């Protein structure tokens, strides 16, 4: 559950603070999202 909360929070903060980082983290966010779907 904590991981799910981090998934929702991290992308937003990254986009606000460092657009370059968000592009780099996109694959991680996608993979984490897939993990959430599998867990559910």
N, C-alpha and C. Protein backbone atom coordinates (compact mmCIF):
# COMPACT_ATOMS: atom_id res chain seq x y z
N UNK A 1 0.84 -1.21 0.00
CA UNK A 1 0.00 0.00 0.00
C UNK A 1 0.88 1.26 0.00
N UNK A 2 1.93 1.24 0.81
CA UNK A 2 2.82 2.41 0.85
C UNK A 2 3.42 2.66 -0.53
N UNK A 3 3.82 1.58 -1.19
CA UNK A 3 4.41 1.73 -2.52
C UNK A 3 3.42 2.42 -3.46
N UNK A 4 2.15 2.03 -3.35
CA UNK A 4 1.12 2.63 -4.22
C UNK A 4 1.06 4.13 -3.96
N UNK A 5 1.12 4.52 -2.69
CA UNK A 5 1.05 5.95 -2.34
C UNK A 5 2.26 6.67 -2.95
N UNK A 6 3.44 6.04 -2.86
CA UNK A 6 4.65 6.65 -3.42
C UNK A 6 4.50 6.82 -4.93
N UNK A 7 3.90 5.84 -5.58
CA UNK A 7 3.73 5.91 -7.03
C UNK A 7 2.90 7.15 -7.39
N UNK A 8 1.86 7.40 -6.63
CA UNK A 8 0.98 8.53 -6.93
C UNK A 8 1.67 9.86 -6.62
N UNK A 9 2.50 9.87 -5.57
CA UNK A 9 3.13 11.12 -5.14
C UNK A 9 4.38 11.47 -5.95
N UNK A 10 5.26 10.52 -6.15
CA UNK A 10 6.54 10.79 -6.81
C UNK A 10 6.43 11.44 -8.19
N UNK A 11 5.65 10.88 -9.11
CA UNK A 11 5.59 11.46 -10.47
C UNK A 11 5.23 12.94 -10.45
N UNK A 12 4.28 13.32 -9.61
CA UNK A 12 3.85 14.72 -9.55
C UNK A 12 4.99 15.61 -9.09
N UNK A 13 5.66 15.21 -8.00
CA UNK A 13 6.76 16.03 -7.47
C UNK A 13 7.88 16.13 -8.49
N UNK A 14 8.17 15.03 -9.15
CA UNK A 14 9.25 15.02 -10.15
C UNK A 14 8.93 15.99 -11.27
N UNK A 15 7.69 15.96 -11.75
CA UNK A 15 7.30 16.84 -12.86
C UNK A 15 7.42 18.30 -12.45
N UNK A 16 7.04 18.60 -11.21
CA UNK A 16 7.08 19.99 -10.75
C UNK A 16 8.53 20.45 -10.57
N UNK A 17 9.36 19.58 -9.98
CA UNK A 17 10.73 19.99 -9.63
C UNK A 17 11.70 19.87 -10.81
N UNK A 18 11.71 18.71 -11.49
CA UNK A 18 12.68 18.51 -12.56
C UNK A 18 12.06 17.77 -13.74
N UNK A 19 11.62 18.50 -14.76
CA UNK A 19 11.04 17.87 -15.95
C UNK A 19 11.98 16.84 -16.57
N UNK A 20 13.29 17.11 -16.58
CA UNK A 20 14.24 16.17 -17.17
C UNK A 20 14.18 14.83 -16.42
N UNK A 21 14.09 14.89 -15.10
CA UNK A 21 14.05 13.67 -14.31
C UNK A 21 12.78 12.88 -14.60
N UNK A 22 11.68 13.59 -14.78
CA UNK A 22 10.40 12.91 -15.03
C UNK A 22 10.52 12.05 -16.29
N UNK A 23 11.17 12.57 -17.31
CA UNK A 23 11.35 11.80 -18.54
C UNK A 23 12.17 10.55 -18.28
N UNK A 24 13.18 10.68 -17.42
CA UNK A 24 14.04 9.54 -17.10
C UNK A 24 13.27 8.52 -16.25
N UNK A 25 12.42 9.02 -15.35
CA UNK A 25 11.71 8.14 -14.42
C UNK A 25 10.47 7.51 -15.03
N UNK A 26 10.03 8.02 -16.19
CA UNK A 26 8.80 7.51 -16.81
C UNK A 26 8.78 5.97 -16.88
N UNK A 27 9.84 5.32 -17.39
CA UNK A 27 9.83 3.85 -17.45
C UNK A 27 9.62 3.22 -16.08
N UNK A 28 10.26 3.78 -15.05
CA UNK A 28 10.09 3.24 -13.70
C UNK A 28 8.65 3.39 -13.26
N UNK A 29 8.07 4.56 -13.51
CA UNK A 29 6.68 4.81 -13.12
C UNK A 29 5.77 3.80 -13.81
N UNK A 30 6.04 3.55 -15.09
CA UNK A 30 5.20 2.61 -15.85
C UNK A 30 5.34 1.21 -15.25
N UNK A 31 6.57 0.79 -14.96
CA UNK A 31 6.79 -0.54 -14.39
C UNK A 31 6.10 -0.65 -13.03
N UNK A 32 6.23 0.40 -12.22
CA UNK A 32 5.59 0.38 -10.89
C UNK A 32 4.08 0.29 -11.05
N UNK A 33 3.54 1.02 -12.02
CA UNK A 33 2.09 0.99 -12.26
C UNK A 33 1.67 -0.43 -12.62
N UNK A 34 2.48 -1.11 -13.43
CA UNK A 34 2.17 -2.49 -13.80
C UNK A 34 2.19 -3.37 -12.56
N UNK A 35 3.14 -3.13 -11.65
CA UNK A 35 3.20 -3.91 -10.41
C UNK A 35 1.92 -3.71 -9.62
N UNK A 36 1.45 -2.46 -9.57
CA UNK A 36 0.21 -2.17 -8.83
C UNK A 36 -0.94 -2.99 -9.41
N UNK A 37 -1.03 -3.02 -10.74
CA UNK A 37 -2.12 -3.77 -11.38
C UNK A 37 -2.02 -5.25 -11.02
N UNK A 38 -0.79 -5.77 -11.04
CA UNK A 38 -0.60 -7.19 -10.71
C UNK A 38 -0.99 -7.45 -9.26
N UNK A 39 -0.62 -6.54 -8.37
CA UNK A 39 -0.93 -6.72 -6.95
C UNK A 39 -2.44 -6.71 -6.74
N UNK A 40 -3.10 -5.76 -7.43
CA UNK A 40 -4.56 -5.68 -7.27
C UNK A 40 -5.18 -6.94 -7.85
